[in-house]
Every structure is written in structure tokens, then in C-alpha cells.
Amino acid sequence: SVARVIGLLALHTSELGENVPISEAITLL
């Protein structure tokens, strides 16, 4: 369910803060 929330956030976000740890999420997934 956490992964689902993350996926939905990535799909629907229109802005992305420069400090959002996307790399960490990708590495873990």
C-alpha cells in the first residue's frame, strides 16, 4: 500500500521539490 501511494504521488504530481529523496525511493524499490 505504501508503494501504491508513492506511485500515485509520482503519477499525479505537477511539481517536485528539489530535495525530495526520489533516488532513495527508486533504490529501495
mmCIF file of all heavy atoms, coordinates in Angstrom:
data_MODEL
# 
_entry.id   MODEL 
# 
loop_
_atom_site.group_PDB 
_atom_site.id 
_atom_site.type_symbol 
_atom_site.label_atom_id 
_atom_site.label_alt_id 
_atom_site.label_comp_id 
_atom_site.label_asym_id 
_atom_site.label_entity_id 
_atom_site.label_seq_id 
_atom_site.pdbx_PDB_ins_code 
_atom_site.Cartn_x 
_atom_site.Cartn_y 
_atom_site.Cartn_z 
_atom_site.occupancy 
_atom_site.B_iso_or_equiv 
_atom_site.pdbx_formal_charge 
_atom_site.auth_seq_id 
_atom_site.auth_comp_id 
_atom_site.auth_asym_id 
_atom_site.auth_atom_id 
_atom_site.pdbx_PDB_model_num 
ATOM 1   N N   . SER A 1 1  ? 0.829  -1.211 0.000   1.00 0.00 ? 1  SER A N   1 
ATOM 2   C CA  . SER A 1 1  ? 0.000  0.000  0.000   1.00 0.00 ? 1  SER A CA  1 
ATOM 3   C C   . SER A 1 1  ? 0.859  1.255  0.000   1.00 0.00 ? 1  SER A C   1 
ATOM 4   O O   . SER A 1 1  ? 0.506  2.261  -0.633  1.00 0.00 ? 1  SER A O   1 
ATOM 5   C CB  . SER A 1 1  ? -0.937 -0.008 1.212   1.00 0.00 ? 1  SER A CB  1 
ATOM 6   O OG  . SER A 1 1  ? -1.863 -1.075 1.133   1.00 0.00 ? 1  SER A OG  1 
ATOM 7   N N   . VAL A 1 2  ? 1.987  1.214  0.696   1.00 0.00 ? 2  VAL A N   1 
ATOM 8   C CA  . VAL A 1 2  ? 2.921  2.339  0.678   1.00 0.00 ? 2  VAL A CA  1 
ATOM 9   C C   . VAL A 1 2  ? 3.427  2.557  -0.749  1.00 0.00 ? 2  VAL A C   1 
ATOM 10  O O   . VAL A 1 2  ? 3.488  3.691  -1.235  1.00 0.00 ? 2  VAL A O   1 
ATOM 11  C CB  . VAL A 1 2  ? 4.098  2.089  1.641   1.00 0.00 ? 2  VAL A CB  1 
ATOM 12  C CG1 . VAL A 1 2  ? 5.201  3.127  1.411   1.00 0.00 ? 2  VAL A CG1 1 
ATOM 13  C CG2 . VAL A 1 2  ? 3.626  2.168  3.090   1.00 0.00 ? 2  VAL A CG2 1 
ATOM 14  N N   . ALA A 1 3  ? 3.794  1.467  -1.407  1.00 0.00 ? 3  ALA A N   1 
ATOM 15  C CA  . ALA A 1 3  ? 4.269  1.570  -2.788  1.00 0.00 ? 3  ALA A CA  1 
ATOM 16  C C   . ALA A 1 3  ? 3.191  2.158  -3.687  1.00 0.00 ? 3  ALA A C   1 
ATOM 17  O O   . ALA A 1 3  ? 3.481  2.957  -4.591  1.00 0.00 ? 3  ALA A O   1 
ATOM 18  C CB  . ALA A 1 3  ? 4.695  0.194  -3.298  1.00 0.00 ? 3  ALA A CB  1 
ATOM 19  N N   . ARG A 1 4  ? 1.950  1.795  -3.421  1.00 0.00 ? 4  ARG A N   1 
ATOM 20  C CA  . ARG A 1 4  ? 0.840  2.325  -4.227  1.00 0.00 ? 4  ARG A CA  1 
ATOM 21  C C   . ARG A 1 4  ? 0.705  3.827  -4.026  1.00 0.00 ? 4  ARG A C   1 
ATOM 22  O O   . ARG A 1 4  ? 0.506  4.580  -4.988  1.00 0.00 ? 4  ARG A O   1 
ATOM 23  C CB  . ARG A 1 4  ? -0.452 1.619  -3.857  1.00 0.00 ? 4  ARG A CB  1 
ATOM 24  C CG  . ARG A 1 4  ? -1.635 2.003  -4.737  1.00 0.00 ? 4  ARG A CG  1 
ATOM 25  C CD  . ARG A 1 4  ? -2.794 1.061  -4.543  1.00 0.00 ? 4  ARG A CD  1 
ATOM 26  N NE  . ARG A 1 4  ? -3.865 1.342  -5.468  1.00 0.00 ? 4  ARG A NE  1 
ATOM 27  C CZ  . ARG A 1 4  ? -4.936 0.576  -5.632  1.00 0.00 ? 4  ARG A CZ  1 
ATOM 28  N NH1 . ARG A 1 4  ? -5.056 -0.530 -4.928  1.00 0.00 ? 4  ARG A NH1 1 
ATOM 29  N NH2 . ARG A 1 4  ? -5.872 0.891  -6.498  1.00 0.00 ? 4  ARG A NH2 1 
ATOM 30  N N   . VAL A 1 5  ? 0.813  4.287  -2.788  1.00 0.00 ? 5  VAL A N   1 
ATOM 31  C CA  . VAL A 1 5  ? 0.746  5.722  -2.516  1.00 0.00 ? 5  VAL A CA  1 
ATOM 32  C C   . VAL A 1 5  ? 1.882  6.449  -3.232  1.00 0.00 ? 5  VAL A C   1 
ATOM 33  O O   . VAL A 1 5  ? 1.675  7.489  -3.872  1.00 0.00 ? 5  VAL A O   1 
ATOM 34  C CB  . VAL A 1 5  ? 0.808  6.005  -0.998  1.00 0.00 ? 5  VAL A CB  1 
ATOM 35  C CG1 . VAL A 1 5  ? 0.879  7.514  -0.741  1.00 0.00 ? 5  VAL A CG1 1 
ATOM 36  C CG2 . VAL A 1 5  ? -0.419 5.427  -0.296  1.00 0.00 ? 5  VAL A CG2 1 
ATOM 37  N N   . ILE A 1 6  ? 3.091  5.904  -3.142  1.00 0.00 ? 6  ILE A N   1 
ATOM 38  C CA  . ILE A 1 6  ? 4.248  6.518  -3.794  1.00 0.00 ? 6  ILE A CA  1 
ATOM 39  C C   . ILE A 1 6  ? 4.035  6.606  -5.302  1.00 0.00 ? 6  ILE A C   1 
ATOM 40  O O   . ILE A 1 6  ? 4.303  7.636  -5.931  1.00 0.00 ? 6  ILE A O   1 
ATOM 41  C CB  . ILE A 1 6  ? 5.531  5.725  -3.467  1.00 0.00 ? 6  ILE A CB  1 
ATOM 42  C CG1 . ILE A 1 6  ? 5.911  5.937  -1.996  1.00 0.00 ? 6  ILE A CG1 1 
ATOM 43  C CG2 . ILE A 1 6  ? 6.684  6.150  -4.382  1.00 0.00 ? 6  ILE A CG2 1 
ATOM 44  C CD1 . ILE A 1 6  ? 7.095  5.090  -1.529  1.00 0.00 ? 6  ILE A CD1 1 
ATOM 45  N N   . GLY A 1 7  ? 3.542  5.524  -5.900  1.00 0.00 ? 7  GLY A N   1 
ATOM 46  C CA  . GLY A 1 7  ? 3.290  5.517  -7.332  1.00 0.00 ? 7  GLY A CA  1 
ATOM 47  C C   . GLY A 1 7  ? 2.248  6.551  -7.743  1.00 0.00 ? 7  GLY A C   1 
ATOM 48  O O   . GLY A 1 7  ? 2.408  7.246  -8.755  1.00 0.00 ? 7  GLY A O   1 
ATOM 49  N N   . LEU A 1 8  ? 1.194  6.676  -6.958  1.00 0.00 ? 8  LEU A N   1 
ATOM 50  C CA  . LEU A 1 8  ? 0.145  7.648  -7.262  1.00 0.00 ? 8  LEU A CA  1 
ATOM 51  C C   . LEU A 1 8  ? 0.660  9.078  -7.120  1.00 0.00 ? 8  LEU A C   1 
ATOM 52  O O   . LEU A 1 8  ? 0.320  9.955  -7.927  1.00 0.00 ? 8  LEU A O   1 
ATOM 53  C CB  . LEU A 1 8  ? -1.057 7.426  -6.344  1.00 0.00 ? 8  LEU A CB  1 
ATOM 54  C CG  . LEU A 1 8  ? -1.903 6.179  -6.623  1.00 0.00 ? 8  LEU A CG  1 
ATOM 55  C CD1 . LEU A 1 8  ? -2.935 5.959  -5.523  1.00 0.00 ? 8  LEU A CD1 1 
ATOM 56  C CD2 . LEU A 1 8  ? -2.594 6.296  -7.986  1.00 0.00 ? 8  LEU A CD2 1 
ATOM 57  N N   . LEU A 1 9  ? 1.468  9.317  -6.112  1.00 0.00 ? 9  LEU A N   1 
ATOM 58  C CA  . LEU A 1 9  ? 2.053  10.651 -5.944  1.00 0.00 ? 9  LEU A CA  1 
ATOM 59  C C   . LEU A 1 9  ? 2.926  11.007 -7.147  1.00 0.00 ? 9  LEU A C   1 
ATOM 60  O O   . LEU A 1 9  ? 2.856  12.130 -7.664  1.00 0.00 ? 9  LEU A O   1 
ATOM 61  C CB  . LEU A 1 9  ? 2.882  10.708 -4.660  1.00 0.00 ? 9  LEU A CB  1 
ATOM 62  C CG  . LEU A 1 9  ? 2.122  10.650 -3.341  1.00 0.00 ? 9  LEU A CG  1 
ATOM 63  C CD1 . LEU A 1 9  ? 3.091  10.612 -2.160  1.00 0.00 ? 9  LEU A CD1 1 
ATOM 64  C CD2 . LEU A 1 9  ? 1.181  11.848 -3.198  1.00 0.00 ? 9  LEU A CD2 1 
ATOM 65  N N   . ALA A 1 10 ? 3.752  10.043 -7.579  1.00 0.00 ? 10 ALA A N   1 
ATOM 66  C CA  . ALA A 1 10 ? 4.627  10.288 -8.724  1.00 0.00 ? 10 ALA A CA  1 
ATOM 67  C C   . ALA A 1 10 ? 3.822  10.536 -10.001 1.00 0.00 ? 10 ALA A C   1 
ATOM 68  O O   . ALA A 1 10 ? 4.185  11.376 -10.829 1.00 0.00 ? 10 ALA A O   1 
ATOM 69  C CB  . ALA A 1 10 ? 5.576  9.114  -8.915  1.00 0.00 ? 10 ALA A CB  1 
ATOM 70  N N   . LEU A 1 11 ? 2.731  9.812  -10.155 1.00 0.00 ? 11 LEU A N   1 
ATOM 71  C CA  . LEU A 1 11 ? 1.900  9.936  -11.353 1.00 0.00 ? 11 LEU A CA  1 
ATOM 72  C C   . LEU A 1 11 ? 1.186  11.274 -11.416 1.00 0.00 ? 11 LEU A C   1 
ATOM 73  O O   . LEU A 1 11 ? 1.093  11.892 -12.480 1.00 0.00 ? 11 LEU A O   1 
ATOM 74  C CB  . LEU A 1 11 ? 0.880  8.792  -11.382 1.00 0.00 ? 11 LEU A CB  1 
ATOM 75  C CG  . LEU A 1 11 ? -0.202 8.860  -12.470 1.00 0.00 ? 11 LEU A CG  1 
ATOM 76  C CD1 . LEU A 1 11 ? 0.429  8.806  -13.859 1.00 0.00 ? 11 LEU A CD1 1 
ATOM 77  C CD2 . LEU A 1 11 ? -1.195 7.719  -12.290 1.00 0.00 ? 11 LEU A CD2 1 
ATOM 78  N N   . HIS A 1 12 ? 0.688  11.756 -10.291 1.00 0.00 ? 12 HIS A N   1 
ATOM 79  C CA  . HIS A 1 12 ? -0.204 12.915 -10.299 1.00 0.00 ? 12 HIS A CA  1 
ATOM 80  C C   . HIS A 1 12 ? 0.450  14.233 -9.905  1.00 0.00 ? 12 HIS A C   1 
ATOM 81  O O   . HIS A 1 12 ? -0.168 15.283 -10.079 1.00 0.00 ? 12 HIS A O   1 
ATOM 82  C CB  . HIS A 1 12 ? -1.399 12.639 -9.379  1.00 0.00 ? 12 HIS A CB  1 
ATOM 83  C CG  . HIS A 1 12 ? -2.285 11.546 -9.862  1.00 0.00 ? 12 HIS A CG  1 
ATOM 84  N ND1 . HIS A 1 12 ? -3.152 11.688 -10.922 1.00 0.00 ? 12 HIS A ND1 1 
ATOM 85  C CD2 . HIS A 1 12 ? -2.422 10.249 -9.461  1.00 0.00 ? 12 HIS A CD2 1 
ATOM 86  C CE1 . HIS A 1 12 ? -3.793 10.560 -11.146 1.00 0.00 ? 12 HIS A CE1 1 
ATOM 87  N NE2 . HIS A 1 12 ? -3.375 9.668  -10.266 1.00 0.00 ? 12 HIS A NE2 1 
ATOM 88  N N   . THR A 1 13 ? 1.681  14.190 -9.407  1.00 0.00 ? 13 THR A N   1 
ATOM 89  C CA  . THR A 1 13 ? 2.299  15.450 -9.002  1.00 0.00 ? 13 THR A CA  1 
ATOM 90  C C   . THR A 1 13 ? 2.624  16.324 -10.217 1.00 0.00 ? 13 THR A C   1 
ATOM 91  O O   . THR A 1 13 ? 3.019  15.808 -11.274 1.00 0.00 ? 13 THR A O   1 
ATOM 92  C CB  . THR A 1 13 ? 3.583  15.204 -8.182  1.00 0.00 ? 13 THR A CB  1 
ATOM 93  O OG1 . THR A 1 13 ? 4.035  16.433 -7.658  1.00 0.00 ? 13 THR A OG1 1 
ATOM 94  C CG2 . THR A 1 13 ? 4.673  14.591 -9.047  1.00 0.00 ? 13 THR A CG2 1 
ATOM 95  N N   . SER A 1 14 ? 2.440  17.609 -10.070 1.00 0.00 ? 14 SER A N   1 
ATOM 96  C CA  . SER A 1 14 ? 2.784  18.539 -11.145 1.00 0.00 ? 14 SER A CA  1 
ATOM 97  C C   . SER A 1 14 ? 4.048  19.324 -10.808 1.00 0.00 ? 14 SER A C   1 
ATOM 98  O O   . SER A 1 14 ? 4.641  19.960 -11.677 1.00 0.00 ? 14 SER A O   1 
ATOM 99  C CB  . SER A 1 14 ? 1.624  19.531 -11.391 1.00 0.00 ? 14 SER A CB  1 
ATOM 100 O OG  . SER A 1 14 ? 1.291  20.223 -10.196 1.00 0.00 ? 14 SER A OG  1 
ATOM 101 N N   . GLU A 1 15 ? 4.469  19.261 -9.544  1.00 0.00 ? 15 GLU A N   1 
ATOM 102 C CA  . GLU A 1 15 ? 5.687  19.931 -9.111  1.00 0.00 ? 15 GLU A CA  1 
ATOM 103 C C   . GLU A 1 15 ? 6.488  18.967 -8.242  1.00 0.00 ? 15 GLU A C   1 
ATOM 104 O O   . GLU A 1 15 ? 5.925  18.114 -7.565  1.00 0.00 ? 15 GLU A O   1 
ATOM 105 C CB  . GLU A 1 15 ? 5.362  21.199 -8.316  1.00 0.00 ? 15 GLU A CB  1 
ATOM 106 C CG  . GLU A 1 15 ? 4.584  22.245 -9.109  1.00 0.00 ? 15 GLU A CG  1 
ATOM 107 C CD  . GLU A 1 15 ? 4.230  23.458 -8.264  1.00 0.00 ? 15 GLU A CD  1 
ATOM 108 O OE1 . GLU A 1 15 ? 4.794  23.584 -7.157  1.00 0.00 ? 15 GLU A OE1 1 
ATOM 109 O OE2 . GLU A 1 15 ? 3.394  24.252 -8.712  1.00 0.00 ? 15 GLU A OE2 1 
ATOM 110 N N   . LEU A 1 16 ? 7.798  19.159 -8.264  1.00 0.00 ? 16 LEU A N   1 
ATOM 111 C CA  . LEU A 1 16 ? 8.666  18.277 -7.483  1.00 0.00 ? 16 LEU A CA  1 
ATOM 112 C C   . LEU A 1 16 ? 9.744  19.109 -6.812  1.00 0.00 ? 16 LEU A C   1 
ATOM 113 O O   . LEU A 1 16 ? 10.567 19.725 -7.489  1.00 0.00 ? 16 LEU A O   1 
ATOM 114 C CB  . LEU A 1 16 ? 9.303  17.216 -8.389  1.00 0.00 ? 16 LEU A CB  1 
ATOM 115 C CG  . LEU A 1 16 ? 10.146 16.135 -7.706  1.00 0.00 ? 16 LEU A CG  1 
ATOM 116 C CD1 . LEU A 1 16 ? 9.304  15.330 -6.725  1.00 0.00 ? 16 LEU A CD1 1 
ATOM 117 C CD2 . LEU A 1 16 ? 10.768 15.212 -8.744  1.00 0.00 ? 16 LEU A CD2 1 
ATOM 118 N N   . GLY A 1 17 ? 9.713  19.136 -5.477  1.00 0.00 ? 17 GLY A N   1 
ATOM 119 C CA  . GLY A 1 17 ? 10.718 19.886 -4.740  1.00 0.00 ? 17 GLY A CA  1 
ATOM 120 C C   . GLY A 1 17 ? 12.108 19.326 -4.978  1.00 0.00 ? 17 GLY A C   1 
ATOM 121 O O   . GLY A 1 17 ? 12.283 18.109 -5.140  1.00 0.00 ? 17 GLY A O   1 
ATOM 122 N N   . GLU A 1 18 ? 13.099 20.204 -5.012  1.00 0.00 ? 18 GLU A N   1 
ATOM 123 C CA  . GLU A 1 18 ? 14.448 19.772 -5.365  1.00 0.00 ? 18 GLU A CA  1 
ATOM 124 C C   . GLU A 1 18 ? 15.090 18.864 -4.327  1.00 0.00 ? 18 GLU A C   1 
ATOM 125 O O   . GLU A 1 18 ? 16.083 18.195 -4.611  1.00 0.00 ? 18 GLU A O   1 
ATOM 126 C CB  . GLU A 1 18 ? 15.351 20.981 -5.613  1.00 0.00 ? 18 GLU A CB  1 
ATOM 127 C CG  . GLU A 1 18 ? 15.511 21.898 -4.423  1.00 0.00 ? 18 GLU A CG  1 
ATOM 128 C CD  . GLU A 1 18 ? 16.371 23.101 -4.757  1.00 0.00 ? 18 GLU A CD  1 
ATOM 129 O OE1 . GLU A 1 18 ? 16.094 23.757 -5.762  1.00 0.00 ? 18 GLU A OE1 1 
ATOM 130 O OE2 . GLU A 1 18 ? 17.320 23.361 -4.004  1.00 0.00 ? 18 GLU A OE2 1 
ATOM 131 N N   . ASN A 1 19 ? 14.536 18.813 -3.115  1.00 0.00 ? 19 ASN A N   1 
ATOM 132 C CA  . ASN A 1 19 ? 15.116 17.976 -2.059  1.00 0.00 ? 19 ASN A CA  1 
ATOM 133 C C   . ASN A 1 19 ? 14.339 16.690 -1.811  1.00 0.00 ? 19 ASN A C   1 
ATOM 134 O O   . ASN A 1 19 ? 14.613 15.969 -0.847  1.00 0.00 ? 19 ASN A O   1 
ATOM 135 C CB  . ASN A 1 19 ? 15.214 18.776 -0.752  1.00 0.00 ? 19 ASN A CB  1 
ATOM 136 C CG  . ASN A 1 19 ? 16.179 19.941 -0.869  1.00 0.00 ? 19 ASN A CG  1 
ATOM 137 O OD1 . ASN A 1 19 ? 17.244 19.814 -1.468  1.00 0.00 ? 19 ASN A OD1 1 
ATOM 138 N ND2 . ASN A 1 19 ? 15.797 21.086 -0.321  1.00 0.00 ? 19 ASN A ND2 1 
ATOM 139 N N   . VAL A 1 20 ? 13.365 16.392 -2.652  1.00 0.00 ? 20 VAL A N   1 
ATOM 140 C CA  . VAL A 1 20 ? 12.591 15.155 -2.475  1.00 0.00 ? 20 VAL A CA  1 
ATOM 141 C C   . VAL A 1 20 ? 13.498 13.957 -2.771  1.00 0.00 ? 20 VAL A C   1 
ATOM 142 O O   . VAL A 1 20 ? 14.093 13.887 -3.850  1.00 0.00 ? 20 VAL A O   1 
ATOM 143 C CB  . VAL A 1 20 ? 11.368 15.129 -3.419  1.00 0.00 ? 20 VAL A CB  1 
ATOM 144 C CG1 . VAL A 1 20 ? 10.574 13.836 -3.219  1.00 0.00 ? 20 VAL A CG1 1 
ATOM 145 C CG2 . VAL A 1 20 ? 10.477 16.342 -3.170  1.00 0.00 ? 20 VAL A CG2 1 
ATOM 146 N N   . PRO A 1 21 ? 13.617 13.013 -1.834  1.00 0.00 ? 21 PRO A N   1 
ATOM 147 C CA  . PRO A 1 21 ? 14.565 11.888 -1.996  1.00 0.00 ? 21 PRO A CA  1 
ATOM 148 C C   . PRO A 1 21 ? 14.069 10.805 -2.953  1.00 0.00 ? 21 PRO A C   1 
ATOM 149 O O   . PRO A 1 21 ? 13.879 9.644  -2.572  1.00 0.00 ? 21 PRO A O   1 
ATOM 150 C CB  . PRO A 1 21 ? 14.715 11.361 -0.572  1.00 0.00 ? 21 PRO A CB  1 
ATOM 151 C CG  . PRO A 1 21 ? 13.401 11.657 0.067   1.00 0.00 ? 21 PRO A CG  1 
ATOM 152 C CD  . PRO A 1 21 ? 12.954 12.982 -0.517  1.00 0.00 ? 21 PRO A CD  1 
ATOM 153 N N   . ILE A 1 22 ? 13.878 11.182 -4.204  1.00 0.00 ? 22 ILE A N   1 
ATOM 154 C CA  . ILE A 1 22 ? 13.388 10.239 -5.208  1.00 0.00 ? 22 ILE A CA  1 
ATOM 155 C C   . ILE A 1 22 ? 14.375 9.093  -5.406  1.00 0.00 ? 22 ILE A C   1 
ATOM 156 O O   . ILE A 1 22 ? 13.998 7.928  -5.556  1.00 0.00 ? 22 ILE A O   1 
ATOM 157 C CB  . ILE A 1 22 ? 13.137 10.956 -6.548  1.00 0.00 ? 22 ILE A CB  1 
ATOM 158 C CG1 . ILE A 1 22 ? 12.047 12.023 -6.403  1.00 0.00 ? 22 ILE A CG1 1 
ATOM 159 C CG2 . ILE A 1 22 ? 12.750 9.945  -7.625  1.00 0.00 ? 22 ILE A CG2 1 
ATOM 160 C CD1 . ILE A 1 22 ? 10.687 11.477 -6.059  1.00 0.00 ? 22 ILE A CD1 1 
ATOM 161 N N   . SER A 1 23 ? 15.668 9.422  -5.416  1.00 0.00 ? 23 SER A N   1 
ATOM 162 C CA  . SER A 1 23 ? 16.701 8.408  -5.629  1.00 0.00 ? 23 SER A CA  1 
ATOM 163 C C   . SER A 1 23 ? 16.627 7.312  -4.574  1.00 0.00 ? 23 SER A C   1 
ATOM 164 O O   . SER A 1 23 ? 16.770 6.125  -4.887  1.00 0.00 ? 23 SER A O   1 
ATOM 165 C CB  . SER A 1 23 ? 18.089 9.057  -5.614  1.00 0.00 ? 23 SER A CB  1 
ATOM 166 O OG  . SER A 1 23 ? 19.095 8.102  -5.803  1.00 0.00 ? 23 SER A OG  1 
ATOM 167 N N   . GLU A 1 24 ? 16.390 7.702  -3.328  1.00 0.00 ? 24 GLU A N   1 
ATOM 168 C CA  . GLU A 1 24 ? 16.302 6.722  -2.249  1.00 0.00 ? 24 GLU A CA  1 
ATOM 169 C C   . GLU A 1 24 ? 15.120 5.787  -2.460  1.00 0.00 ? 24 GLU A C   1 
ATOM 170 O O   . GLU A 1 24 ? 15.225 4.566  -2.255  1.00 0.00 ? 24 GLU A O   1 
ATOM 171 C CB  . GLU A 1 24 ? 16.183 7.433  -0.906  1.00 0.00 ? 24 GLU A CB  1 
ATOM 172 C CG  . GLU A 1 24 ? 16.187 6.504  0.294   1.00 0.00 ? 24 GLU A CG  1 
ATOM 173 C CD  . GLU A 1 24 ? 16.091 7.246  1.620   1.00 0.00 ? 24 GLU A CD  1 
ATOM 174 O OE1 . GLU A 1 24 ? 16.133 8.501  1.621   1.00 0.00 ? 24 GLU A OE1 1 
ATOM 175 O OE2 . GLU A 1 24 ? 15.962 6.565  2.661   1.00 0.00 ? 24 GLU A OE2 1 
ATOM 176 N N   . ALA A 1 25 ? 13.996 6.357  -2.887  1.00 0.00 ? 25 ALA A N   1 
ATOM 177 C CA  . ALA A 1 25 ? 12.803 5.541  -3.134  1.00 0.00 ? 25 ALA A CA  1 
ATOM 178 C C   . ALA A 1 25 ? 13.037 4.576  -4.294  1.00 0.00 ? 25 ALA A C   1 
ATOM 179 O O   . ALA A 1 25 ? 12.660 3.395  -4.231  1.00 0.00 ? 25 ALA A O   1 
ATOM 180 C CB  . ALA A 1 25 ? 11.603 6.440  -3.430  1.00 0.00 ? 25 ALA A CB  1 
ATOM 181 N N   . ILE A 1 26 ? 13.680 5.053  -5.348  1.00 0.00 ? 26 ILE A N   1 
ATOM 182 C CA  . ILE A 1 26 ? 13.964 4.202  -6.509  1.00 0.00 ? 26 ILE A CA  1 
ATOM 183 C C   . ILE A 1 26 ? 14.909 3.066  -6.126  1.00 0.00 ? 26 ILE A C   1 
ATOM 184 O O   . ILE A 1 26 ? 14.708 1.906  -6.514  1.00 0.00 ? 26 ILE A O   1 
ATOM 185 C CB  . ILE A 1 26 ? 14.565 5.046  -7.653  1.00 0.00 ? 26 ILE A CB  1 
ATOM 186 C CG1 . ILE A 1 26 ? 13.488 5.962  -8.252  1.00 0.00 ? 26 ILE A CG1 1 
ATOM 187 C CG2 . ILE A 1 26 ? 15.154 4.146  -8.742  1.00 0.00 ? 26 ILE A CG2 1 
ATOM 188 C CD1 . ILE A 1 26 ? 14.019 6.929  -9.291  1.00 0.00 ? 26 ILE A CD1 1 
ATOM 189 N N   . THR A 1 27 ? 15.950 3.393  -5.372  1.00 0.00 ? 27 THR A N   1 
ATOM 190 C CA  . THR A 1 27 ? 16.913 2.376  -4.942  1.00 0.00 ? 27 THR A CA  1 
ATOM 191 C C   . THR A 1 27 ? 16.232 1.297  -4.115  1.00 0.00 ? 27 THR A C   1 
ATOM 192 O O   . THR A 1 27 ? 16.465 0.095  -4.330  1.00 0.00 ? 27 THR A O   1 
ATOM 193 C CB  . THR A 1 27 ? 18.043 3.019  -4.119  1.00 0.00 ? 27 THR A CB  1 
ATOM 194 O OG1 . THR A 1 27 ? 18.747 3.959  -4.939  1.00 0.00 ? 27 THR A OG1 1 
ATOM 195 C CG2 . THR A 1 27 ? 19.017 1.971  -3.606  1.00 0.00 ? 27 THR A CG2 1 
ATOM 196 N N   . LEU A 1 28 ? 15.377 1.701  -3.186  1.00 0.00 ? 28 LEU A N   1 
ATOM 197 C CA  . LEU A 1 28 ? 14.699 0.740  -2.318  1.00 0.00 ? 28 LEU A CA  1 
ATOM 198 C C   . LEU A 1 28 ? 13.726 -0.131 -3.105  1.00 0.00 ? 28 LEU A C   1 
ATOM 199 O O   . LEU A 1 28 ? 13.678 -1.360 -2.916  1.00 0.00 ? 28 LEU A O   1 
ATOM 200 C CB  . LEU A 1 28 ? 13.969 1.483  -1.198  1.00 0.00 ? 28 LEU A CB  1 
ATOM 201 C CG  . LEU A 1 28 ? 13.226 0.623  -0.174  1.00 0.00 ? 28 LEU A CG  1 
ATOM 202 C CD1 . LEU A 1 28 ? 14.152 -0.418 0.450   1.00 0.00 ? 28 LEU A CD1 1 
ATOM 203 C CD2 . LEU A 1 28 ? 12.624 1.510  0.917   1.00 0.00 ? 28 LEU A CD2 1 
ATOM 204 N N   . LEU A 1 29 ? 12.956 0.473  -3.990  1.00 0.00 ? 29 LEU A N   1 
ATOM 205 C CA  . LEU A 1 29 ? 12.022 -0.302 -4.809  1.00 0.00 ? 29 LEU A CA  1 
ATOM 206 C C   . LEU A 1 29 ? 12.772 -1.290 -5.698  1.00 0.00 ? 29 LEU A C   1 
ATOM 207 O O   . LEU A 1 29 ? 12.340 -2.436 -5.873  1.00 0.00 ? 29 LEU A O   1 
ATOM 208 C CB  . LEU A 1 29 ? 11.175 0.639  -5.664  1.00 0.00 ? 29 LEU A CB  1 
ATOM 209 C CG  . LEU A 1 29 ? 10.059 1.375  -4.927  1.00 0.00 ? 29 LEU A CG  1 
ATOM 210 C CD1 . LEU A 1 29 ? 9.531  2.533  -5.765  1.00 0.00 ? 29 LEU A CD1 1 
ATOM 211 C CD2 . LEU A 1 29 ? 8.916  0.426  -4.567  1.00 0.00 ? 29 LEU A CD2 1 
# 
